[in-house]
Amino acid sequence: MDDDQTATLIEFALHEDLGQRGDITAQALIDPLKQASIILRSRERGVLSGSLIATQALHAVDNSIEVVWEMNDGDTCMSGDSLAAIDGPLISILTAERTTLNFLQHLSGIATLTRKYVDELARINSTTIVRDTRKTLPGYRALEKQAVVDGGGENHRMGLYDAFLIKDNHLAGADLESAVNRCREFNPNIPLEVEVDDLEQLKVVLDHKPDLILLDNFSIEEVIAAQQMAPEMDFEISGGVTLENLAVYGATNVKYIAVGALTHSAPALDLGFDTQ
């Protein structure tokens, strides 16, 4: 995400919270000259993500606020750990608090959930890589995908522009061979992935040798059968994979497992501002 996009997102988030009047409670109760030292603290175990945009949100309210990070994005924090020291006008810090925490808690929640998937695959010595999908909040995609990376995962395509993914809907009125050839003619340097829904479709797709085949909502038995049909092919599993059954799918050592829940269902990490 470039600086202009970040600034626009922060401006929108602050406007949602402050409207035209600003923080009227802080204005009514806090001396504008009062300074404060605040500790950003973790209240549960997790993985930090979003420190840059959190700092930018604080500075968007008041550039005089000083932020010193004690942990980096991707670091694991424990309950009670100090993540950052924040110093500046108390009225400004309170005005920026919720917007700052909204960014941090959401992105750190994604990084934390991703790390759980990564750790589970490591526990069983799987070579499979967990990666995200395009199921992201509008405007947050770059931030959420960076949070996945902070958690140890990898990114799938960023959008519809950086990788081919041929699905059933793309084949309306066209055969697969024609679709594959047209994509390769359009740009032979962009990775080409084809989605299949069953083993019969897989047999057809294998003849066209895409770079990657997406096995959509395959049972574990079907995944194993697919690997036996084409041991040289790289596969990606998508659909129905959770932390509870990840070890079963990860034991197949397919190249990728795509998990939409990393971004669309990660619970926020519990973080808070504490006065010293």
C-alpha atoms as a PDB file:
ATOM      1  CA  MET A   1       0.000   0.000   0.000  1.00  0.00           C
ATOM      2  CA  ASP A   2       1.487   3.341  -0.996  1.00  0.00           C
ATOM      3  CA  ASP A   3       1.549   6.420   1.232  1.00  0.00           C
ATOM      4  CA  ASP A   4      -1.433   8.066  -0.480  1.00  0.00           C
ATOM      5  CA  GLN A   5      -3.627   4.979  -0.030  1.00  0.00           C
ATOM      6  CA  THR A   6      -2.596   4.673   3.610  1.00  0.00           C
ATOM      7  CA  ALA A   7      -3.295   8.337   4.275  1.00  0.00           C
ATOM      8  CA  THR A   8      -6.718   8.055   2.641  1.00  0.00           C
ATOM      9  CA  LEU A   9      -7.640   4.991   4.703  1.00  0.00           C
ATOM     10  CA  ILE A  10      -6.521   6.648   7.942  1.00  0.00           C
ATOM     11  CA  GLU A  11      -8.374   9.856   7.073  1.00  0.00           C
ATOM     12  CA  PHE A  12     -11.559   7.886   6.412  1.00  0.00           C
ATOM     13  CA  ALA A  13     -11.198   5.892   9.641  1.00  0.00           C
ATOM     14  CA  LEU A  14     -10.609   9.012  11.727  1.00  0.00           C
ATOM     15  CA  HIS A  15     -13.538  10.825  10.125  1.00  0.00           C
ATOM     16  CA  GLU A  16     -15.814   7.895  10.997  1.00  0.00           C
ATOM     17  CA  ASP A  17     -14.824   8.282  14.641  1.00  0.00           C
ATOM     18  CA  LEU A  18     -14.455  12.049  14.971  1.00  0.00           C
ATOM     19  CA  GLY A  19     -16.968  13.507  12.547  1.00  0.00           C
ATOM     20  CA  GLN A  20     -16.865  17.301  12.410  1.00  0.00           C
ATOM     21  CA  ARG A  21     -16.665  17.899  16.160  1.00  0.00           C
ATOM     22  CA  GLY A  22     -13.802  15.640  17.173  1.00  0.00           C
ATOM     23  CA  ASP A  23     -13.541  13.861  20.514  1.00  0.00           C
ATOM     24  CA  ILE A  24     -16.023  15.932  22.499  1.00  0.00           C
ATOM     25  CA  THR A  25     -15.492  13.947  25.714  1.00  0.00           C
ATOM     26  CA  ALA A  26     -11.749  14.568  25.674  1.00  0.00           C
ATOM     27  CA  GLN A  27     -12.321  18.194  24.747  1.00  0.00           C
ATOM     28  CA  ALA A  28     -14.663  18.658  27.704  1.00  0.00           C
ATOM     29  CA  LEU A  29     -12.501  16.884  30.269  1.00  0.00           C
ATOM     30  CA  ILE A  30      -8.812  17.041  29.278  1.00  0.00           C
ATOM     31  CA  ASP A  31      -6.479  20.007  29.552  1.00  0.00           C
ATOM     32  CA  PRO A  32      -5.007  20.485  26.041  1.00  0.00           C
ATOM     33  CA  LEU A  33      -1.571  21.068  27.585  1.00  0.00           C
ATOM     34  CA  LYS A  34      -1.578  17.898  29.686  1.00  0.00           C
ATOM     35  CA  GLN A  35       1.123  15.434  28.602  1.00  0.00           C
ATOM     36  CA  ALA A  36       0.956  11.679  29.111  1.00  0.00           C
ATOM     37  CA  SER A  37       3.017   8.527  28.792  1.00  0.00           C
ATOM     38  CA  ILE A  38       1.040   5.535  27.556  1.00  0.00           C
ATOM     39  CA  ILE A  39       2.073   1.900  27.155  1.00  0.00           C
ATOM     40  CA  LEU A  40       0.556  -0.128  24.349  1.00  0.00           C
ATOM     41  CA  ARG A  41       0.202  -3.528  25.949  1.00  0.00           C
ATOM     42  CA  SER A  42      -0.805  -6.973  24.803  1.00  0.00           C
ATOM     43  CA  ARG A  43      -3.509  -8.651  26.846  1.00  0.00           C
ATOM     44  CA  GLU A  44      -3.105 -12.071  25.278  1.00  0.00           C
ATOM     45  CA  ARG A  45      -0.539 -14.105  23.371  1.00  0.00           C
ATOM     46  CA  GLY A  46      -0.309 -13.226  19.710  1.00  0.00           C
ATOM     47  CA  VAL A  47       1.697 -11.883  16.790  1.00  0.00           C
ATOM     48  CA  LEU A  48       2.133  -8.165  16.204  1.00  0.00           C
ATOM     49  CA  SER A  49       1.198  -6.607  12.869  1.00  0.00           C
ATOM     50  CA  GLY A  50       0.278  -3.087  11.792  1.00  0.00           C
ATOM     51  CA  SER A  51       2.832  -1.019  13.680  1.00  0.00           C
ATOM     52  CA  LEU A  52       3.484   1.303  10.750  1.00  0.00           C
ATOM     53  CA  ILE A  53      -0.129   2.252  10.080  1.00  0.00           C
ATOM     54  CA  ALA A  54      -0.737   2.545  13.836  1.00  0.00           C
ATOM     55  CA  THR A  55       2.071   5.093  14.084  1.00  0.00           C
ATOM     56  CA  GLN A  56       0.715   6.917  11.043  1.00  0.00           C
ATOM     57  CA  ALA A  57      -2.758   7.046  12.598  1.00  0.00           C
ATOM     58  CA  LEU A  58      -1.370   8.603  15.778  1.00  0.00           C
ATOM     59  CA  HIS A  59       0.615  11.133  13.777  1.00  0.00           C
ATOM     60  CA  ALA A  60      -2.418  11.952  11.633  1.00  0.00           C
ATOM     61  CA  VAL A  61      -4.103  13.214  14.806  1.00  0.00           C
ATOM     62  CA  ASP A  62      -1.020  14.911  16.238  1.00  0.00           C
ATOM     63  CA  ASN A  63       2.428  14.771  14.692  1.00  0.00           C
ATOM     64  CA  SER A  64       3.997  15.642  18.051  1.00  0.00           C
ATOM     65  CA  ILE A  65       3.083  12.226  19.488  1.00  0.00           C
ATOM     66  CA  GLU A  66       6.206  10.122  19.966  1.00  0.00           C
ATOM     67  CA  VAL A  67       5.981   6.366  19.406  1.00  0.00           C
ATOM     68  CA  VAL A  68       8.798   3.971  20.295  1.00  0.00           C
ATOM     69  CA  TRP A  69       8.134   0.357  19.324  1.00  0.00           C
ATOM     70  CA  GLU A  70       9.552  -2.312  21.601  1.00  0.00           C
ATOM     71  CA  MET A  71       8.539  -5.167  19.288  1.00  0.00           C
ATOM     72  CA  ASN A  72       8.533  -5.550  15.519  1.00  0.00           C
ATOM     73  CA  ASP A  73       5.810  -6.820  13.223  1.00  0.00           C
ATOM     74  CA  GLY A  74       6.016 -10.597  13.176  1.00  0.00           C
ATOM     75  CA  ASP A  75       7.214 -10.824  16.787  1.00  0.00           C
ATOM     76  CA  THR A  76       5.294 -12.977  19.240  1.00  0.00           C
ATOM     77  CA  CYS A  77       3.978 -11.152  22.287  1.00  0.00           C
ATOM     78  CA  MET A  78       2.692 -12.580  25.532  1.00  0.00           C
ATOM     79  CA  SER A  79      -0.075 -11.295  27.771  1.00  0.00           C
ATOM     80  CA  GLY A  80       1.219  -8.251  29.620  1.00  0.00           C
ATOM     81  CA  ASP A  81       4.040  -7.479  27.193  1.00  0.00           C
ATOM     82  CA  SER A  82       4.752  -3.867  26.362  1.00  0.00           C
ATOM     83  CA  LEU A  83       4.631  -3.340  22.609  1.00  0.00           C
ATOM     84  CA  ALA A  84       5.254   0.396  22.364  1.00  0.00           C
ATOM     85  CA  ALA A  85       5.708   3.542  24.439  1.00  0.00           C
ATOM     86  CA  ILE A  86       3.522   6.486  23.374  1.00  0.00           C
ATOM     87  CA  ASP A  87       4.205   9.993  24.654  1.00  0.00           C
ATOM     88  CA  GLY A  88       2.492  13.257  23.857  1.00  0.00           C
ATOM     89  CA  PRO A  89      -0.581  15.371  24.569  1.00  0.00           C
ATOM     90  CA  LEU A  90      -3.117  13.224  26.384  1.00  0.00           C
ATOM     91  CA  ILE A  91      -6.043  14.718  24.473  1.00  0.00           C
ATOM     92  CA  SER A  92      -4.437  13.741  21.152  1.00  0.00           C
ATOM     93  CA  ILE A  93      -3.565  10.221  22.266  1.00  0.00           C
ATOM     94  CA  LEU A  94      -7.118   9.603  23.484  1.00  0.00           C
ATOM     95  CA  THR A  95      -8.536  10.981  20.239  1.00  0.00           C
ATOM     96  CA  ALA A  96      -6.398   8.585  18.193  1.00  0.00           C
ATOM     97  CA  GLU A  97      -6.703   5.581  20.536  1.00  0.00           C
ATOM     98  CA  ARG A  98      -9.620   3.660  19.016  1.00  0.00           C
ATOM     99  CA  THR A  99      -8.625   4.140  15.394  1.00  0.00           C
ATOM    100  CA  THR A 100      -5.067   3.082  16.218  1.00  0.00           C
ATOM    101  CA  LEU A 101      -6.240   0.004  18.098  1.00  0.00           C
ATOM    102  CA  ASN A 102      -8.717  -0.929  15.372  1.00  0.00           C
ATOM    103  CA  PHE A 103      -5.876  -1.191  12.875  1.00  0.00           C
ATOM    104  CA  LEU A 104      -3.538  -2.971  15.271  1.00  0.00           C
ATOM    105  CA  GLN A 105      -6.010  -5.449  16.742  1.00  0.00           C
ATOM    106  CA  HIS A 106      -7.412  -6.472  13.372  1.00  0.00           C
ATOM    107  CA  LEU A 107      -4.061  -6.904  11.641  1.00  0.00           C
ATOM    108  CA  SER A 108      -2.429  -8.578  14.645  1.00  0.00           C
ATOM    109  CA  GLY A 109      -5.394 -10.955  14.797  1.00  0.00           C
ATOM    110  CA  ILE A 110      -4.733 -11.996  11.202  1.00  0.00           C
ATOM    111  CA  ALA A 111      -1.027 -12.482  11.902  1.00  0.00           C
ATOM    112  CA  THR A 112      -1.855 -14.494  15.024  1.00  0.00           C
ATOM    113  CA  LEU A 113      -4.280 -16.827  13.249  1.00  0.00           C
ATOM    114  CA  THR A 114      -1.840 -17.290  10.373  1.00  0.00           C
ATOM    115  CA  ARG A 115       0.917 -18.237  12.818  1.00  0.00           C
ATOM    116  CA  LYS A 116      -1.327 -20.941  14.270  1.00  0.00           C
ATOM    117  CA  TYR A 117      -1.672 -22.514  10.824  1.00  0.00           C
ATOM    118  CA  VAL A 118       2.046 -22.174  10.144  1.00  0.00           C
ATOM    119  CA  ASP A 119       2.953 -23.697  13.504  1.00  0.00           C
ATOM    120  CA  GLU A 120       0.590 -26.627  12.990  1.00  0.00           C
ATOM    121  CA  LEU A 121       2.183 -27.439   9.633  1.00  0.00           C
ATOM    122  CA  ALA A 122       5.630 -27.169  11.209  1.00  0.00           C
ATOM    123  CA  ARG A 123       4.543 -29.486  14.027  1.00  0.00           C
ATOM    124  CA  ILE A 124       3.929 -32.312  11.565  1.00  0.00           C
ATOM    125  CA  ASN A 125       7.008 -31.427   9.451  1.00  0.00           C
ATOM    126  CA  SER A 126       4.841 -30.635   6.437  1.00  0.00           C
ATOM    127  CA  THR A 127       6.370 -28.842   3.464  1.00  0.00           C
ATOM    128  CA  THR A 128       2.977 -27.318   2.610  1.00  0.00           C
ATOM    129  CA  ILE A 129       2.751 -23.518   2.601  1.00  0.00           C
ATOM    130  CA  VAL A 130      -0.344 -21.766   3.935  1.00  0.00           C
ATOM    131  CA  ARG A 131      -1.458 -18.723   1.999  1.00  0.00           C
ATOM    132  CA  ASP A 132      -4.333 -16.280   1.827  1.00  0.00           C
ATOM    133  CA  THR A 133      -7.104 -15.496  -0.669  1.00  0.00           C
ATOM    134  CA  ARG A 134      -8.800 -12.363  -2.035  1.00  0.00           C
ATOM    135  CA  LYS A 135     -11.408 -12.519   0.746  1.00  0.00           C
ATOM    136  CA  THR A 136     -10.309  -9.247   2.308  1.00  0.00           C
ATOM    137  CA  LEU A 137     -11.990  -6.103   3.569  1.00  0.00           C
ATOM    138  CA  PRO A 138     -12.278  -3.495   0.800  1.00  0.00           C
ATOM    139  CA  GLY A 139      -9.393  -1.064   1.106  1.00  0.00           C
ATOM    140  CA  TYR A 140      -7.498  -3.274   3.552  1.00  0.00           C
ATOM    141  CA  ARG A 141      -6.114  -5.887   1.171  1.00  0.00           C
ATOM    142  CA  ALA A 142      -2.458  -4.824   1.209  1.00  0.00           C
ATOM    143  CA  LEU A 143      -2.524  -4.446   4.995  1.00  0.00           C
ATOM    144  CA  GLU A 144      -4.225  -7.788   5.564  1.00  0.00           C
ATOM    145  CA  LYS A 145      -1.936  -9.620   3.180  1.00  0.00           C
ATOM    146  CA  GLN A 146       1.086  -8.088   4.909  1.00  0.00           C
ATOM    147  CA  ALA A 147      -0.354  -9.336   8.195  1.00  0.00           C
ATOM    148  CA  VAL A 148      -0.466 -12.856   6.720  1.00  0.00           C
ATOM    149  CA  VAL A 149       3.219 -12.511   5.849  1.00  0.00           C
ATOM    150  CA  ASP A 150       3.930 -11.219   9.371  1.00  0.00           C
ATOM    151  CA  GLY A 151       2.307 -14.400  10.653  1.00  0.00           C
ATOM    152  CA  GLY A 152       4.589 -16.562   8.515  1.00  0.00           C
ATOM    153  CA  GLY A 153       2.209 -17.304   5.647  1.00  0.00           C
ATOM    154  CA  GLU A 154       2.457 -16.379   1.986  1.00  0.00           C
ATOM    155  CA  ASN A 155       0.262 -14.343  -0.316  1.00  0.00           C
ATOM    156  CA  HIS A 156      -1.767 -15.740  -3.170  1.00  0.00           C
ATOM    157  CA  ARG A 157      -2.424 -13.268  -5.965  1.00  0.00           C
ATOM    158  CA  MET A 158      -2.965  -9.694  -4.799  1.00  0.00           C
ATOM    159  CA  GLY A 159      -5.858  -9.211  -7.205  1.00  0.00           C
ATOM    160  CA  LEU A 160      -7.232 -10.184 -10.563  1.00  0.00           C
ATOM    161  CA  TYR A 161      -4.243  -8.612 -12.289  1.00  0.00           C
ATOM    162  CA  ASP A 162      -1.186 -10.604 -11.212  1.00  0.00           C
ATOM    163  CA  ALA A 163      -2.059 -14.267 -11.818  1.00  0.00           C
ATOM    164  CA  PHE A 164      -4.408 -16.251 -14.040  1.00  0.00           C
ATOM    165  CA  LEU A 165      -6.940 -18.429 -12.228  1.00  0.00           C
ATOM    166  CA  ILE A 166      -9.349 -20.181 -14.586  1.00  0.00           C
ATOM    167  CA  LYS A 167     -12.609 -21.186 -12.902  1.00  0.00           C
ATOM    168  CA  ASP A 168     -15.823 -22.751 -14.198  1.00  0.00           C
ATOM    169  CA  ASN A 169     -17.415 -19.351 -14.767  1.00  0.00           C
ATOM    170  CA  HIS A 170     -14.592 -18.409 -17.112  1.00  0.00           C
ATOM    171  CA  LEU A 171     -15.326 -21.423 -19.301  1.00  0.00           C
ATOM    172  CA  ALA A 172     -18.879 -20.487 -20.245  1.00  0.00           C
ATOM    173  CA  GLY A 173     -18.945 -20.951 -24.001  1.00  0.00           C
ATOM    174  CA  ALA A 174     -15.271 -21.910 -24.198  1.00  0.00           C
ATOM    175  CA  ASP A 175     -13.357 -25.158 -23.825  1.00  0.00           C
ATOM    176  CA  LEU A 176     -10.491 -25.512 -21.373  1.00  0.00           C
ATOM    177  CA  GLU A 177      -7.794 -25.907 -24.002  1.00  0.00           C
ATOM    178  CA  SER A 178      -8.841 -22.673 -25.655  1.00  0.00           C
ATOM    179  CA  ALA A 179      -8.963 -20.867 -22.307  1.00  0.00           C
ATOM    180  CA  VAL A 180      -5.473 -22.035 -21.313  1.00  0.00           C
ATOM    181  CA  ASN A 181      -4.021 -21.119 -24.700  1.00  0.00           C
ATOM    182  CA  ARG A 182      -5.621 -17.683 -24.681  1.00  0.00           C
ATOM    183  CA  CYS A 183      -4.269 -16.908 -21.214  1.00  0.00           C
ATOM    184  CA  ARG A 184      -0.792 -17.974 -22.243  1.00  0.00           C
ATOM    185  CA  GLU A 185      -0.989 -15.912 -25.403  1.00  0.00           C
ATOM    186  CA  PHE A 186      -2.254 -12.929 -23.406  1.00  0.00           C
ATOM    187  CA  ASN A 187       0.852 -13.016 -21.194  1.00  0.00           C
ATOM    188  CA  PRO A 188       3.114 -16.082 -21.036  1.00  0.00           C
ATOM    189  CA  ASN A 189       5.063 -14.685 -18.078  1.00  0.00           C
ATOM    190  CA  ILE A 190       2.143 -14.635 -15.622  1.00  0.00           C
ATOM    191  CA  PRO A 191       1.523 -17.786 -13.518  1.00  0.00           C
ATOM    192  CA  LEU A 192      -1.430 -19.877 -14.697  1.00  0.00           C
ATOM    193  CA  GLU A 193      -3.620 -21.789 -12.244  1.00  0.00           C
ATOM    194  CA  VAL A 194      -6.734 -23.822 -13.055  1.00  0.00           C
ATOM    195  CA  GLU A 195      -9.451 -24.729 -10.553  1.00  0.00           C
ATOM    196  CA  VAL A 196     -11.060 -28.183 -10.599  1.00  0.00           C
ATOM    197  CA  ASP A 197     -14.065 -29.461  -8.659  1.00  0.00           C
ATOM    198  CA  ASP A 198     -13.576 -33.210  -9.033  1.00  0.00           C
ATOM    199  CA  LEU A 199     -11.226 -35.887 -10.303  1.00  0.00           C
ATOM    200  CA  GLU A 200     -12.901 -36.069 -13.711  1.00  0.00           C
ATOM    201  CA  GLN A 201     -12.147 -32.393 -14.308  1.00  0.00           C
ATOM    202  CA  LEU A 202      -8.621 -32.992 -13.092  1.00  0.00           C
ATOM    203  CA  LYS A 203      -8.037 -35.600 -15.789  1.00  0.00           C
ATOM    204  CA  VAL A 204      -8.908 -33.037 -18.454  1.00  0.00           C
ATOM    205  CA  VAL A 205      -6.833 -30.250 -16.888  1.00  0.00           C
ATOM    206  CA  LEU A 206      -3.706 -32.387 -16.587  1.00  0.00           C
ATOM    207  CA  ASP A 207      -3.429 -32.563 -20.367  1.00  0.00           C
ATOM    208  CA  HIS A 208      -2.918 -28.791 -20.488  1.00  0.00           C
ATOM    209  CA  LYS A 209      -0.119 -28.613 -17.904  1.00  0.00           C
ATOM    210  CA  PRO A 210      -0.932 -25.428 -15.985  1.00  0.00           C
ATOM    211  CA  ASP A 211       1.591 -24.129 -13.467  1.00  0.00           C
ATOM    212  CA  LEU A 212      -0.703 -25.005 -10.572  1.00  0.00           C
ATOM    213  CA  ILE A 213      -4.007 -26.823 -10.080  1.00  0.00           C
ATOM    214  CA  LEU A 214      -6.456 -25.706  -7.415  1.00  0.00           C
ATOM    215  CA  LEU A 215      -8.354 -28.594  -5.823  1.00  0.00           C
ATOM    216  CA  ASP A 216     -11.572 -26.950  -4.688  1.00  0.00           C
ATOM    217  CA  ASN A 217     -13.358 -28.553  -1.718  1.00  0.00           C
ATOM    218  CA  PHE A 218     -11.647 -31.918  -2.219  1.00  0.00           C
ATOM    219  CA  SER A 219     -11.861 -34.533   0.498  1.00  0.00           C
ATOM    220  CA  ILE A 220      -8.567 -35.866   1.816  1.00  0.00           C
ATOM    221  CA  GLU A 221      -9.151 -39.074  -0.152  1.00  0.00           C
ATOM    222  CA  GLU A 222      -9.638 -37.072  -3.344  1.00  0.00           C
ATOM    223  CA  VAL A 223      -6.474 -35.054  -2.700  1.00  0.00           C
ATOM    224  CA  ILE A 224      -4.454 -38.254  -2.337  1.00  0.00           C
ATOM    225  CA  ALA A 225      -6.029 -39.651  -5.509  1.00  0.00           C
ATOM    226  CA  ALA A 226      -5.126 -36.448  -7.368  1.00  0.00           C
ATOM    227  CA  GLN A 227      -1.512 -36.721  -6.261  1.00  0.00           C
ATOM    228  CA  GLN A 228      -1.391 -40.330  -7.412  1.00  0.00           C
ATOM    229  CA  MET A 229      -2.765 -39.313 -10.806  1.00  0.00           C
ATOM    230  CA  ALA A 230      -0.131 -36.593 -11.261  1.00  0.00           C
ATOM    231  CA  PRO A 231       2.775 -36.892  -8.814  1.00  0.00           C
ATOM    232  CA  GLU A 232       4.768 -34.296 -10.758  1.00  0.00           C
ATOM    233  CA  MET A 233       2.027 -31.608 -10.576  1.00  0.00           C
ATOM    234  CA  ASP A 234       1.870 -28.821  -7.990  1.00  0.00           C
ATOM    235  CA  PHE A 235      -1.490 -28.641  -6.223  1.00  0.00           C
ATOM    236  CA  GLU A 236      -3.226 -26.093  -4.054  1.00  0.00           C
ATOM    237  CA  ILE A 237      -6.054 -27.086  -1.712  1.00  0.00           C
ATOM    238  CA  SER A 238      -8.859 -24.613  -1.076  1.00  0.00           C
ATOM    239  CA  GLY A 239     -12.102 -24.977   0.823  1.00  0.00           C
ATOM    240  CA  GLY A 240     -12.958 -26.814   4.004  1.00  0.00           C
ATOM    241  CA  VAL A 241      -9.506 -26.657   5.615  1.00  0.00           C
ATOM    242  CA  THR A 242      -9.520 -25.587   9.266  1.00  0.00           C
ATOM    243  CA  LEU A 243      -7.056 -25.738  12.134  1.00  0.00           C
ATOM    244  CA  GLU A 244      -8.834 -28.888  13.277  1.00  0.00           C
ATOM    245  CA  ASN A 245      -8.173 -30.841  10.046  1.00  0.00           C
ATOM    246  CA  LEU A 246      -5.056 -28.994   8.868  1.00  0.00           C
ATOM    247  CA  ALA A 247      -2.714 -31.777   9.972  1.00  0.00           C
ATOM    248  CA  VAL A 248      -4.587 -34.293   7.828  1.00  0.00           C
ATOM    249  CA  TYR A 249      -4.357 -32.142   4.709  1.00  0.00           C
ATOM    250  CA  GLY A 250      -0.872 -30.903   5.528  1.00  0.00           C
ATOM    251  CA  ALA A 251       0.404 -34.469   5.727  1.00  0.00           C
ATOM    252  CA  THR A 252      -0.106 -34.729   1.956  1.00  0.00           C
ATOM    253  CA  ASN A 253       2.627 -32.097   1.447  1.00  0.00           C
ATOM    254  CA  VAL A 254       0.732 -30.379  -1.356  1.00  0.00           C
ATOM    255  CA  LYS A 255       2.429 -27.162  -2.360  1.00  0.00           C
ATOM    256  CA  TYR A 256      -0.186 -24.781  -0.946  1.00  0.00           C
ATOM    257  CA  ILE A 257      -3.250 -24.666   1.248  1.00  0.00           C
ATOM    258  CA  ALA A 258      -5.315 -21.502   0.711  1.00  0.00           C
ATOM    259  CA  VAL A 259      -7.330 -20.358   3.737  1.00  0.00           C
ATOM    260  CA  GLY A 260      -9.822 -17.529   3.346  1.00  0.00           C
ATOM    261  CA  ALA A 261     -10.433 -17.478   7.097  1.00  0.00           C
ATOM    262  CA  LEU A 262      -6.991 -15.968   7.672  1.00  0.00           C
ATOM    263  CA  THR A 263      -8.349 -12.614   6.583  1.00  0.00           C
ATOM    264  CA  HIS A 264     -12.141 -12.848   6.732  1.00  0.00           C
ATOM    265  CA  SER A 265     -12.557 -14.570  10.104  1.00  0.00           C
ATOM    266  CA  ALA A 266      -9.514 -13.838  12.269  1.00  0.00           C
ATOM    267  CA  PRO A 267     -10.524 -12.624  15.746  1.00  0.00           C
ATOM    268  CA  ALA A 268      -8.987  -9.343  16.837  1.00  0.00           C
ATOM    269  CA  LEU A 269      -5.989  -9.584  19.151  1.00  0.00           C
ATOM    270  CA  ASP A 270      -6.703  -8.031  22.539  1.00  0.00           C
ATOM    271  CA  LEU A 271      -4.462  -4.974  22.888  1.00  0.00           C
ATOM    272  CA  GLY A 272      -4.897  -1.834  24.965  1.00  0.00           C
ATOM    273  CA  PHE A 273      -3.515   1.553  26.001  1.00  0.00           C
ATOM    274  CA  ASP A 274      -2.404   1.662  29.652  1.00  0.00           C
ATOM    275  CA  THR A 275      -1.416   4.828  31.476  1.00  0.00           C
ATOM    276  CA  GLN A 276       1.875   4.736  33.355  1.00  0.00           C
END
